[in-house]
Protein backbone atom coordinates (compact mmCIF):
# COMPACT_ATOMS: atom_id res chain seq x y z
CA UNK A 1 0.00 0.00 0.00
CA UNK A 2 1.46 3.36 -1.00
CA UNK A 3 1.20 6.58 0.95
CA UNK A 4 -1.07 8.16 -1.68
CA UNK A 5 -3.56 5.27 -1.33
CA UNK A 6 -3.98 5.68 2.43
CA UNK A 7 -7.29 6.83 3.81
CA UNK A 8 -7.30 9.60 6.43
CA UNK A 9 -8.32 7.08 9.10
CA UNK A 10 -5.55 4.62 8.22
CA UNK A 11 -2.95 7.40 8.03
CA UNK A 12 -4.02 8.60 11.47
CA UNK A 13 -3.68 5.04 12.81
CA UNK A 14 -0.16 4.78 11.37
CA UNK A 15 0.76 8.12 12.93
CA UNK A 16 -0.35 6.81 16.34
CA UNK A 17 1.69 3.66 15.76
CA UNK A 18 4.77 5.73 14.97
CA UNK A 19 4.31 7.73 18.18
CA UNK A 20 4.02 4.48 20.17
CA UNK A 21 7.16 3.04 18.56
CA UNK A 22 9.28 6.12 19.20
CA UNK A 23 7.92 6.39 22.75
CA UNK A 24 8.96 2.81 23.50
CA UNK A 25 12.31 3.37 21.76
CA UNK A 26 13.08 6.44 23.84
CA UNK A 27 12.19 4.73 27.13
CA UNK A 28 14.18 1.56 26.38
CA UNK A 29 17.22 3.39 25.08
CA UNK A 30 17.42 5.84 27.97
CA UNK A 31 17.73 2.85 30.31
CA UNK A 32 20.13 1.08 27.95
CA UNK A 33 22.31 4.18 27.61
CA UNK A 34 22.62 4.64 31.37
CA UNK A 35 23.56 1.00 31.95
CA UNK A 36 25.93 0.68 28.97
CA UNK A 37 27.80 3.96 29.53
CA UNK A 38 28.19 3.22 33.25
CA UNK A 39 29.40 -0.33 32.58
CA UNK A 40 31.66 0.88 29.76
CA UNK A 41 33.21 3.56 31.96
CA UNK A 42 33.88 1.01 34.71
CA UNK A 43 35.53 -1.36 32.21
CA UNK A 44 37.15 1.35 30.01
CA UNK A 45 35.45 -0.28 27.04
CA UNK A 46 35.32 1.91 23.92
CA UNK A 47 32.87 -0.47 22.27
CA UNK A 48 30.53 -0.54 25.27
CA UNK A 49 30.63 3.24 25.73
CA UNK A 50 29.96 3.59 22.01
CA UNK A 51 27.06 1.20 22.44
CA UNK A 52 25.65 3.43 25.16
CA UNK A 53 26.18 6.56 23.07
CA UNK A 54 24.40 4.86 20.18
CA UNK A 55 21.45 4.48 22.54
CA UNK A 56 21.62 8.23 23.15
CA UNK A 57 21.66 8.82 19.38
CA UNK A 58 18.66 6.51 19.04
CA UNK A 59 16.82 8.58 21.64
CA UNK A 60 17.60 11.79 19.73
CA UNK A 61 16.61 10.15 16.44
CA UNK A 62 13.33 8.87 17.88
CA UNK A 63 12.68 12.25 19.48
CA UNK A 64 13.17 13.95 16.10
CA UNK A 65 10.63 11.60 14.51
CA UNK A 66 8.26 12.08 17.46
CA UNK A 67 8.52 15.85 17.02
CA UNK A 68 7.90 15.51 13.30
CA UNK A 69 4.71 13.55 13.88
CA UNK A 70 3.34 16.17 16.27
CA UNK A 71 3.26 18.59 13.32
CA UNK A 72 0.03 19.10 11.43
CA UNK A 73 1.69 18.01 8.18
CA UNK A 74 4.58 15.64 9.11
CA UNK A 75 5.49 15.10 5.45
CA UNK A 76 6.79 18.68 5.18
CA UNK A 77 9.49 17.95 7.75
CA UNK A 78 10.82 14.76 6.14
CA UNK A 79 14.10 16.14 4.76
CA UNK A 80 15.09 18.04 7.91
CA UNK A 81 14.35 15.07 10.16
CA UNK A 82 16.27 12.59 8.01
CA UNK A 83 19.31 14.91 7.89
CA UNK A 84 19.20 15.34 11.66
CA UNK A 85 19.38 11.55 11.97
CA UNK A 86 22.34 11.54 9.57
CA UNK A 87 24.22 14.08 11.72
CA UNK A 88 23.59 11.91 14.79
CA UNK A 89 25.24 8.97 13.01
CA UNK A 90 28.35 11.06 12.24
CA UNK A 91 28.63 12.30 15.83
CA UNK A 92 28.49 8.75 17.14
CA UNK A 93 31.16 7.58 14.69
CA UNK A 94 33.54 10.42 15.64
CA UNK A 95 33.41 9.64 19.35
CA UNK A 96 33.76 5.89 18.92
CA UNK A 97 36.80 6.25 16.62
CA UNK A 98 38.62 8.52 19.09
CA UNK A 99 37.89 6.25 22.05
CA UNK A 100 38.90 3.12 20.13
CA UNK A 101 42.22 4.68 19.10
CA UNK A 102 42.97 5.59 22.73
CA UNK A 103 42.44 1.95 23.71
CA UNK A 104 44.51 0.56 20.83
CA UNK A 105 47.43 2.86 21.66
CA UNK A 106 47.44 1.68 25.27
CA UNK A 107 46.14 4.90 26.83
CA UNK A 108 43.24 2.90 28.29
CA UNK A 109 43.00 -0.75 29.31
CA UNK A 110 39.80 -2.75 28.93
CA UNK A 111 38.42 -4.79 31.84
CA UNK A 112 35.80 -7.56 31.81
CA UNK A 113 32.14 -6.48 31.85
CA UNK A 114 29.49 -9.13 32.58
CA UNK A 115 26.86 -6.36 32.77
CA UNK A 116 27.89 -5.15 29.31
CA UNK A 117 27.54 -8.66 27.94
CA UNK A 118 24.06 -8.87 29.43
CA UNK A 119 22.77 -5.57 28.00
CA UNK A 120 24.22 -6.32 24.55
CA UNK A 121 22.49 -9.73 24.55
CA UNK A 122 19.16 -8.17 25.56
CA UNK A 123 19.38 -5.66 22.71
CA UNK A 124 19.95 -8.49 20.24
CA UNK A 125 16.55 -9.81 21.31
CA UNK A 126 14.55 -6.56 21.49
CA UNK A 127 15.90 -4.42 18.64
CA UNK A 128 15.31 -6.70 15.63
CA UNK A 129 11.59 -6.88 16.41
CA UNK A 130 11.31 -3.14 17.01
CA UNK A 131 13.32 -2.21 13.90
CA UNK A 132 11.26 -4.48 11.65
CA UNK A 133 7.98 -3.13 13.06
CA UNK A 134 9.08 0.49 12.60
CA UNK A 135 10.48 0.03 9.10
CA UNK A 136 7.31 -1.71 7.95
CA UNK A 137 5.22 1.11 9.41
CA UNK A 138 7.40 3.76 7.75
CA UNK A 139 7.24 2.00 4.40
CA UNK A 140 3.46 1.75 4.58
CA UNK A 141 3.24 5.40 5.53
CA UNK A 142 5.76 6.41 2.86
CA UNK A 143 7.94 8.19 5.42
CA UNK A 144 11.71 8.22 4.90
CA UNK A 145 12.32 9.68 8.35
CA UNK A 146 10.55 6.75 10.05
CA UNK A 147 12.48 4.32 7.85
CA UNK A 148 15.76 6.12 8.66
CA UNK A 149 14.97 5.85 12.37
CA UNK A 150 14.38 2.12 11.89
CA UNK A 151 17.82 1.86 10.28
CA UNK A 152 19.22 3.55 13.37
CA UNK A 153 17.72 0.66 15.35
CA UNK A 154 19.23 -1.76 12.83
CA UNK A 155 22.63 -0.23 13.53
CA UNK A 156 21.99 -1.02 17.20
CA UNK A 157 21.54 -4.67 16.22
CA UNK A 158 24.89 -4.71 14.38
CA UNK A 159 26.42 -2.84 17.28
CA UNK A 160 25.02 -5.24 19.87
CA UNK A 161 26.44 -8.25 18.04
CA UNK A 162 29.82 -6.64 17.43
CA UNK A 163 30.15 -5.37 21.00
CA UNK A 164 29.07 -8.74 22.39
CA UNK A 165 31.76 -10.54 20.37
CA UNK A 166 34.40 -8.02 21.48
CA UNK A 167 33.42 -8.30 25.15
CA UNK A 168 33.34 -12.11 25.02
CA UNK A 169 36.77 -12.30 23.36
CA UNK A 170 38.18 -10.01 26.01
CA UNK A 171 36.56 -11.94 28.86
CA UNK A 172 37.44 -15.42 27.56
CA UNK A 173 40.87 -14.82 26.05
CA UNK A 174 42.02 -11.44 27.38
CA UNK A 175 42.05 -9.92 23.86
CA UNK A 176 41.65 -6.25 24.79
CA UNK A 177 42.23 -5.19 21.18
CA UNK A 178 39.02 -7.00 20.17
CA UNK A 179 37.00 -4.31 21.95
CA UNK A 180 38.62 -1.55 19.87
CA UNK A 181 38.22 -3.48 16.63
CA UNK A 182 34.55 -3.97 17.45
CA UNK A 183 34.20 -0.24 18.12
CA UNK A 184 35.82 0.69 14.79
CA UNK A 185 33.48 -1.66 12.91
CA UNK A 186 30.57 0.11 14.57
CA UNK A 187 31.99 3.51 13.60
CA UNK A 188 32.28 2.42 9.98
CA UNK A 189 28.65 1.27 9.96
CA UNK A 190 27.55 4.55 11.53
CA UNK A 191 29.35 6.59 8.85
CA UNK A 192 27.75 4.55 6.07
CA UNK A 193 24.28 4.92 7.53
CA UNK A 194 24.88 8.63 8.14
CA UNK A 195 25.79 9.21 4.49
CA UNK A 196 22.70 7.35 3.31
CA UNK A 197 20.43 9.26 5.69
CA UNK A 198 21.96 12.60 4.63
CA UNK A 199 21.31 11.77 0.99
CA UNK A 200 17.79 10.57 1.78
CA UNK A 201 18.72 7.18 0.34
CA UNK A 202 16.81 4.91 2.71
CA UNK A 203 16.66 1.34 1.46
CA UNK A 204 14.99 -1.53 3.23
CA UNK A 205 17.27 -3.48 5.62
CA UNK A 206 14.74 -6.33 5.59
CA UNK A 207 14.68 -7.20 1.90
CA UNK A 208 14.75 -10.95 2.49
CA UNK A 209 11.73 -10.81 4.79
CA UNK A 210 9.89 -8.53 2.37
CA UNK A 211 10.54 -10.95 -0.48
CA UNK A 212 9.04 -13.75 1.60
CA UNK A 213 5.96 -11.63 2.34
CA UNK A 214 5.58 -10.82 -1.37
CA UNK A 215 5.72 -14.53 -2.23
CA UNK A 216 2.97 -15.21 0.32
C-alpha atoms as a PDB file:
ATOM      1  CA  UNK A   1       0.000   0.000   0.000  1.00  0.00           C
ATOM      2  CA  UNK A   2       1.456   3.364  -0.996  1.00  0.00           C
ATOM      3  CA  UNK A   3       1.205   6.583   0.955  1.00  0.00           C
ATOM      4  CA  UNK A   4      -1.069   8.159  -1.682  1.00  0.00           C
ATOM      5  CA  UNK A   5      -3.560   5.267  -1.331  1.00  0.00           C
ATOM      6  CA  UNK A   6      -3.976   5.684   2.428  1.00  0.00           C
ATOM      7  CA  UNK A   7      -7.291   6.834   3.814  1.00  0.00           C
ATOM      8  CA  UNK A   8      -7.304   9.601   6.430  1.00  0.00           C
ATOM      9  CA  UNK A   9      -8.316   7.084   9.100  1.00  0.00           C
ATOM     10  CA  UNK A  10      -5.555   4.621   8.224  1.00  0.00           C
ATOM     11  CA  UNK A  11      -2.950   7.396   8.026  1.00  0.00           C
ATOM     12  CA  UNK A  12      -4.019   8.597  11.475  1.00  0.00           C
ATOM     13  CA  UNK A  13      -3.680   5.042  12.812  1.00  0.00           C
ATOM     14  CA  UNK A  14      -0.161   4.779  11.374  1.00  0.00           C
ATOM     15  CA  UNK A  15       0.765   8.125  12.933  1.00  0.00           C
ATOM     16  CA  UNK A  16      -0.353   6.806  16.343  1.00  0.00           C
ATOM     17  CA  UNK A  17       1.687   3.655  15.759  1.00  0.00           C
ATOM     18  CA  UNK A  18       4.770   5.734  14.970  1.00  0.00           C
ATOM     19  CA  UNK A  19       4.311   7.727  18.181  1.00  0.00           C
ATOM     20  CA  UNK A  20       4.017   4.476  20.167  1.00  0.00           C
ATOM     21  CA  UNK A  21       7.158   3.035  18.562  1.00  0.00           C
ATOM     22  CA  UNK A  22       9.281   6.119  19.196  1.00  0.00           C
ATOM     23  CA  UNK A  23       7.920   6.390  22.747  1.00  0.00           C
ATOM     24  CA  UNK A  24       8.963   2.808  23.496  1.00  0.00           C
ATOM     25  CA  UNK A  25      12.306   3.367  21.757  1.00  0.00           C
ATOM     26  CA  UNK A  26      13.084   6.438  23.840  1.00  0.00           C
ATOM     27  CA  UNK A  27      12.189   4.726  27.129  1.00  0.00           C
ATOM     28  CA  UNK A  28      14.177   1.563  26.382  1.00  0.00           C
ATOM     29  CA  UNK A  29      17.224   3.390  25.083  1.00  0.00           C
ATOM     30  CA  UNK A  30      17.420   5.844  27.971  1.00  0.00           C
ATOM     31  CA  UNK A  31      17.732   2.852  30.310  1.00  0.00           C
ATOM     32  CA  UNK A  32      20.127   1.078  27.949  1.00  0.00           C
ATOM     33  CA  UNK A  33      22.315   4.184  27.611  1.00  0.00           C
ATOM     34  CA  UNK A  34      22.621   4.644  31.372  1.00  0.00           C
ATOM     35  CA  UNK A  35      23.562   1.003  31.951  1.00  0.00           C
ATOM     36  CA  UNK A  36      25.932   0.682  28.968  1.00  0.00           C
ATOM     37  CA  UNK A  37      27.799   3.963  29.535  1.00  0.00           C
ATOM     38  CA  UNK A  38      28.192   3.223  33.247  1.00  0.00           C
ATOM     39  CA  UNK A  39      29.396  -0.332  32.576  1.00  0.00           C
ATOM     40  CA  UNK A  40      31.660   0.884  29.760  1.00  0.00           C
ATOM     41  CA  UNK A  41      33.207   3.556  31.963  1.00  0.00           C
ATOM     42  CA  UNK A  42      33.879   1.007  34.707  1.00  0.00           C
ATOM     43  CA  UNK A  43      35.529  -1.365  32.207  1.00  0.00           C
ATOM     44  CA  UNK A  44      37.151   1.349  30.015  1.00  0.00           C
ATOM     45  CA  UNK A  45      35.449  -0.284  27.036  1.00  0.00           C
ATOM     46  CA  UNK A  46      35.317   1.911  23.920  1.00  0.00           C
ATOM     47  CA  UNK A  47      32.867  -0.468  22.266  1.00  0.00           C
ATOM     48  CA  UNK A  48      30.531  -0.537  25.270  1.00  0.00           C
ATOM     49  CA  UNK A  49      30.628   3.242  25.733  1.00  0.00           C
ATOM     50  CA  UNK A  50      29.964   3.592  22.005  1.00  0.00           C
ATOM     51  CA  UNK A  51      27.060   1.204  22.437  1.00  0.00           C
ATOM     52  CA  UNK A  52      25.653   3.427  25.162  1.00  0.00           C
ATOM     53  CA  UNK A  53      26.176   6.557  23.075  1.00  0.00           C
ATOM     54  CA  UNK A  54      24.404   4.858  20.183  1.00  0.00           C
ATOM     55  CA  UNK A  55      21.451   4.481  22.539  1.00  0.00           C
ATOM     56  CA  UNK A  56      21.625   8.235  23.154  1.00  0.00           C
ATOM     57  CA  UNK A  57      21.658   8.816  19.384  1.00  0.00           C
ATOM     58  CA  UNK A  58      18.657   6.506  19.038  1.00  0.00           C
ATOM     59  CA  UNK A  59      16.823   8.578  21.643  1.00  0.00           C
ATOM     60  CA  UNK A  60      17.605  11.786  19.727  1.00  0.00           C
ATOM     61  CA  UNK A  61      16.615  10.154  16.444  1.00  0.00           C
ATOM     62  CA  UNK A  62      13.333   8.869  17.881  1.00  0.00           C
ATOM     63  CA  UNK A  63      12.684  12.255  19.483  1.00  0.00           C
ATOM     64  CA  UNK A  64      13.169  13.950  16.102  1.00  0.00           C
ATOM     65  CA  UNK A  65      10.626  11.604  14.511  1.00  0.00           C
ATOM     66  CA  UNK A  66       8.259  12.075  17.463  1.00  0.00           C
ATOM     67  CA  UNK A  67       8.520  15.846  17.023  1.00  0.00           C
ATOM     68  CA  UNK A  68       7.901  15.512  13.298  1.00  0.00           C
ATOM     69  CA  UNK A  69       4.706  13.550  13.875  1.00  0.00           C
ATOM     70  CA  UNK A  70       3.339  16.167  16.266  1.00  0.00           C
ATOM     71  CA  UNK A  71       3.264  18.586  13.317  1.00  0.00           C
ATOM     72  CA  UNK A  72       0.032  19.101  11.435  1.00  0.00           C
ATOM     73  CA  UNK A  73       1.688  18.010   8.180  1.00  0.00           C
ATOM     74  CA  UNK A  74       4.584  15.644   9.106  1.00  0.00           C
ATOM     75  CA  UNK A  75       5.488  15.101   5.448  1.00  0.00           C
ATOM     76  CA  UNK A  76       6.788  18.679   5.183  1.00  0.00           C
ATOM     77  CA  UNK A  77       9.491  17.949   7.754  1.00  0.00           C
ATOM     78  CA  UNK A  78      10.825  14.759   6.142  1.00  0.00           C
ATOM     79  CA  UNK A  79      14.098  16.138   4.761  1.00  0.00           C
ATOM     80  CA  UNK A  80      15.091  18.040   7.908  1.00  0.00           C
ATOM     81  CA  UNK A  81      14.355  15.069  10.164  1.00  0.00           C
ATOM     82  CA  UNK A  82      16.269  12.585   8.011  1.00  0.00           C
ATOM     83  CA  UNK A  83      19.309  14.912   7.888  1.00  0.00           C
ATOM     84  CA  UNK A  84      19.205  15.340  11.658  1.00  0.00           C
ATOM     85  CA  UNK A  85      19.379  11.554  11.969  1.00  0.00           C
ATOM     86  CA  UNK A  86      22.345  11.537   9.571  1.00  0.00           C
ATOM     87  CA  UNK A  87      24.219  14.077  11.716  1.00  0.00           C
ATOM     88  CA  UNK A  88      23.586  11.913  14.785  1.00  0.00           C
ATOM     89  CA  UNK A  89      25.243   8.967  13.012  1.00  0.00           C
ATOM     90  CA  UNK A  90      28.350  11.063  12.245  1.00  0.00           C
ATOM     91  CA  UNK A  91      28.629  12.305  15.832  1.00  0.00           C
ATOM     92  CA  UNK A  92      28.486   8.747  17.138  1.00  0.00           C
ATOM     93  CA  UNK A  93      31.164   7.584  14.692  1.00  0.00           C
ATOM     94  CA  UNK A  94      33.536  10.422  15.640  1.00  0.00           C
ATOM     95  CA  UNK A  95      33.410   9.641  19.350  1.00  0.00           C
ATOM     96  CA  UNK A  96      33.758   5.886  18.921  1.00  0.00           C
ATOM     97  CA  UNK A  97      36.799   6.254  16.620  1.00  0.00           C
ATOM     98  CA  UNK A  98      38.618   8.516  19.085  1.00  0.00           C
ATOM     99  CA  UNK A  99      37.892   6.248  22.055  1.00  0.00           C
ATOM    100  CA  UNK A 100      38.902   3.116  20.127  1.00  0.00           C
ATOM    101  CA  UNK A 101      42.222   4.679  19.102  1.00  0.00           C
ATOM    102  CA  UNK A 102      42.970   5.594  22.729  1.00  0.00           C
ATOM    103  CA  UNK A 103      42.441   1.953  23.710  1.00  0.00           C
ATOM    104  CA  UNK A 104      44.511   0.563  20.834  1.00  0.00           C
ATOM    105  CA  UNK A 105      47.433   2.862  21.661  1.00  0.00           C
ATOM    106  CA  UNK A 106      47.436   1.681  25.266  1.00  0.00           C
ATOM    107  CA  UNK A 107      46.144   4.898  26.828  1.00  0.00           C
ATOM    108  CA  UNK A 108      43.241   2.903  28.285  1.00  0.00           C
ATOM    109  CA  UNK A 109      42.998  -0.750  29.312  1.00  0.00           C
ATOM    110  CA  UNK A 110      39.801  -2.752  28.929  1.00  0.00           C
ATOM    111  CA  UNK A 111      38.418  -4.790  31.841  1.00  0.00           C
ATOM    112  CA  UNK A 112      35.796  -7.558  31.814  1.00  0.00           C
ATOM    113  CA  UNK A 113      32.144  -6.482  31.846  1.00  0.00           C
ATOM    114  CA  UNK A 114      29.488  -9.130  32.576  1.00  0.00           C
ATOM    115  CA  UNK A 115      26.863  -6.365  32.768  1.00  0.00           C
ATOM    116  CA  UNK A 116      27.889  -5.153  29.310  1.00  0.00           C
ATOM    117  CA  UNK A 117      27.539  -8.662  27.935  1.00  0.00           C
ATOM    118  CA  UNK A 118      24.056  -8.875  29.429  1.00  0.00           C
ATOM    119  CA  UNK A 119      22.774  -5.573  28.001  1.00  0.00           C
ATOM    120  CA  UNK A 120      24.222  -6.323  24.553  1.00  0.00           C
ATOM    121  CA  UNK A 121      22.492  -9.726  24.554  1.00  0.00           C
ATOM    122  CA  UNK A 122      19.163  -8.173  25.556  1.00  0.00           C
ATOM    123  CA  UNK A 123      19.384  -5.665  22.715  1.00  0.00           C
ATOM    124  CA  UNK A 124      19.945  -8.492  20.243  1.00  0.00           C
ATOM    125  CA  UNK A 125      16.547  -9.812  21.305  1.00  0.00           C
ATOM    126  CA  UNK A 126      14.554  -6.563  21.490  1.00  0.00           C
ATOM    127  CA  UNK A 127      15.903  -4.425  18.643  1.00  0.00           C
ATOM    128  CA  UNK A 128      15.311  -6.703  15.625  1.00  0.00           C
ATOM    129  CA  UNK A 129      11.595  -6.877  16.406  1.00  0.00           C
ATOM    130  CA  UNK A 130      11.311  -3.140  17.009  1.00  0.00           C
ATOM    131  CA  UNK A 131      13.323  -2.206  13.898  1.00  0.00           C
ATOM    132  CA  UNK A 132      11.257  -4.478  11.650  1.00  0.00           C
ATOM    133  CA  UNK A 133       7.980  -3.130  13.058  1.00  0.00           C
ATOM    134  CA  UNK A 134       9.083   0.492  12.599  1.00  0.00           C
ATOM    135  CA  UNK A 135      10.479   0.033   9.098  1.00  0.00           C
ATOM    136  CA  UNK A 136       7.311  -1.712   7.950  1.00  0.00           C
ATOM    137  CA  UNK A 137       5.218   1.112   9.406  1.00  0.00           C
ATOM    138  CA  UNK A 138       7.396   3.760   7.754  1.00  0.00           C
ATOM    139  CA  UNK A 139       7.242   1.999   4.400  1.00  0.00           C
ATOM    140  CA  UNK A 140       3.456   1.749   4.582  1.00  0.00           C
ATOM    141  CA  UNK A 141       3.244   5.403   5.528  1.00  0.00           C
ATOM    142  CA  UNK A 142       5.756   6.408   2.856  1.00  0.00           C
ATOM    143  CA  UNK A 143       7.944   8.191   5.424  1.00  0.00           C
ATOM    144  CA  UNK A 144      11.713   8.216   4.896  1.00  0.00           C
ATOM    145  CA  UNK A 145      12.315   9.676   8.351  1.00  0.00           C
ATOM    146  CA  UNK A 146      10.549   6.748  10.048  1.00  0.00           C
ATOM    147  CA  UNK A 147      12.484   4.316   7.853  1.00  0.00           C
ATOM    148  CA  UNK A 148      15.755   6.119   8.659  1.00  0.00           C
ATOM    149  CA  UNK A 149      14.972   5.854  12.366  1.00  0.00           C
ATOM    150  CA  UNK A 150      14.378   2.120  11.886  1.00  0.00           C
ATOM    151  CA  UNK A 151      17.821   1.857  10.275  1.00  0.00           C
ATOM    152  CA  UNK A 152      19.219   3.549  13.372  1.00  0.00           C
ATOM    153  CA  UNK A 153      17.722   0.662  15.345  1.00  0.00           C
ATOM    154  CA  UNK A 154      19.228  -1.755  12.826  1.00  0.00           C
ATOM    155  CA  UNK A 155      22.634  -0.235  13.534  1.00  0.00           C
ATOM    156  CA  UNK A 156      21.995  -1.018  17.198  1.00  0.00           C
ATOM    157  CA  UNK A 157      21.538  -4.672  16.224  1.00  0.00           C
ATOM    158  CA  UNK A 158      24.889  -4.708  14.380  1.00  0.00           C
ATOM    159  CA  UNK A 159      26.420  -2.838  17.283  1.00  0.00           C
ATOM    160  CA  UNK A 160      25.022  -5.238  19.874  1.00  0.00           C
ATOM    161  CA  UNK A 161      26.441  -8.252  18.039  1.00  0.00           C
ATOM    162  CA  UNK A 162      29.821  -6.635  17.435  1.00  0.00           C
ATOM    163  CA  UNK A 163      30.146  -5.369  21.002  1.00  0.00           C
ATOM    164  CA  UNK A 164      29.071  -8.738  22.391  1.00  0.00           C
ATOM    165  CA  UNK A 165      31.761 -10.537  20.367  1.00  0.00           C
ATOM    166  CA  UNK A 166      34.399  -8.023  21.481  1.00  0.00           C
ATOM    167  CA  UNK A 167      33.423  -8.304  25.149  1.00  0.00           C
ATOM    168  CA  UNK A 168      33.342 -12.106  25.023  1.00  0.00           C
ATOM    169  CA  UNK A 169      36.767 -12.299  23.356  1.00  0.00           C
ATOM    170  CA  UNK A 170      38.178 -10.008  26.008  1.00  0.00           C
ATOM    171  CA  UNK A 171      36.555 -11.936  28.855  1.00  0.00           C
ATOM    172  CA  UNK A 172      37.441 -15.421  27.558  1.00  0.00           C
ATOM    173  CA  UNK A 173      40.874 -14.822  26.049  1.00  0.00           C
ATOM    174  CA  UNK A 174      42.015 -11.439  27.376  1.00  0.00           C
ATOM    175  CA  UNK A 175      42.049  -9.924  23.864  1.00  0.00           C
ATOM    176  CA  UNK A 176      41.654  -6.251  24.794  1.00  0.00           C
ATOM    177  CA  UNK A 177      42.230  -5.191  21.178  1.00  0.00           C
ATOM    178  CA  UNK A 178      39.017  -7.004  20.172  1.00  0.00           C
ATOM    179  CA  UNK A 179      37.002  -4.309  21.953  1.00  0.00           C
ATOM    180  CA  UNK A 180      38.617  -1.551  19.871  1.00  0.00           C
ATOM    181  CA  UNK A 181      38.222  -3.481  16.632  1.00  0.00           C
ATOM    182  CA  UNK A 182      34.545  -3.968  17.447  1.00  0.00           C
ATOM    183  CA  UNK A 183      34.202  -0.241  18.121  1.00  0.00           C
ATOM    184  CA  UNK A 184      35.825   0.691  14.789  1.00  0.00           C
ATOM    185  CA  UNK A 185      33.484  -1.659  12.914  1.00  0.00           C
ATOM    186  CA  UNK A 186      30.567   0.105  14.568  1.00  0.00           C
ATOM    187  CA  UNK A 187      31.986   3.511  13.598  1.00  0.00           C
ATOM    188  CA  UNK A 188      32.276   2.416   9.977  1.00  0.00           C
ATOM    189  CA  UNK A 189      28.648   1.267   9.956  1.00  0.00           C
ATOM    190  CA  UNK A 190      27.550   4.554  11.532  1.00  0.00           C
ATOM    191  CA  UNK A 191      29.352   6.589   8.854  1.00  0.00           C
ATOM    192  CA  UNK A 192      27.752   4.550   6.069  1.00  0.00           C
ATOM    193  CA  UNK A 193      24.279   4.918   7.531  1.00  0.00           C
ATOM    194  CA  UNK A 194      24.876   8.626   8.139  1.00  0.00           C
ATOM    195  CA  UNK A 195      25.790   9.206   4.492  1.00  0.00           C
ATOM    196  CA  UNK A 196      22.704   7.349   3.313  1.00  0.00           C
ATOM    197  CA  UNK A 197      20.433   9.258   5.688  1.00  0.00           C
ATOM    198  CA  UNK A 198      21.955  12.604   4.629  1.00  0.00           C
ATOM    199  CA  UNK A 199      21.313  11.766   0.992  1.00  0.00           C
ATOM    200  CA  UNK A 200      17.792  10.574   1.781  1.00  0.00           C
ATOM    201  CA  UNK A 201      18.721   7.185   0.344  1.00  0.00           C
ATOM    202  CA  UNK A 202      16.808   4.907   2.712  1.00  0.00           C
ATOM    203  CA  UNK A 203      16.659   1.341   1.464  1.00  0.00           C
ATOM    204  CA  UNK A 204      14.992  -1.527   3.234  1.00  0.00           C
ATOM    205  CA  UNK A 205      17.265  -3.476   5.620  1.00  0.00           C
ATOM    206  CA  UNK A 206      14.741  -6.334   5.593  1.00  0.00           C
ATOM    207  CA  UNK A 207      14.680  -7.203   1.896  1.00  0.00           C
ATOM    208  CA  UNK A 208      14.750 -10.950   2.487  1.00  0.00           C
ATOM    209  CA  UNK A 209      11.728 -10.805   4.793  1.00  0.00           C
ATOM    210  CA  UNK A 210       9.886  -8.530   2.375  1.00  0.00           C
ATOM    211  CA  UNK A 211      10.537 -10.952  -0.479  1.00  0.00           C
ATOM    212  CA  UNK A 212       9.035 -13.753   1.602  1.00  0.00           C
ATOM    213  CA  UNK A 213       5.964 -11.626   2.340  1.00  0.00           C
ATOM    214  CA  UNK A 214       5.578 -10.818  -1.369  1.00  0.00           C
ATOM    215  CA  UNK A 215       5.724 -14.534  -2.229  1.00  0.00           C
ATOM    216  CA  UNK A 216       2.973 -15.214   0.317  1.00  0.00           C
END
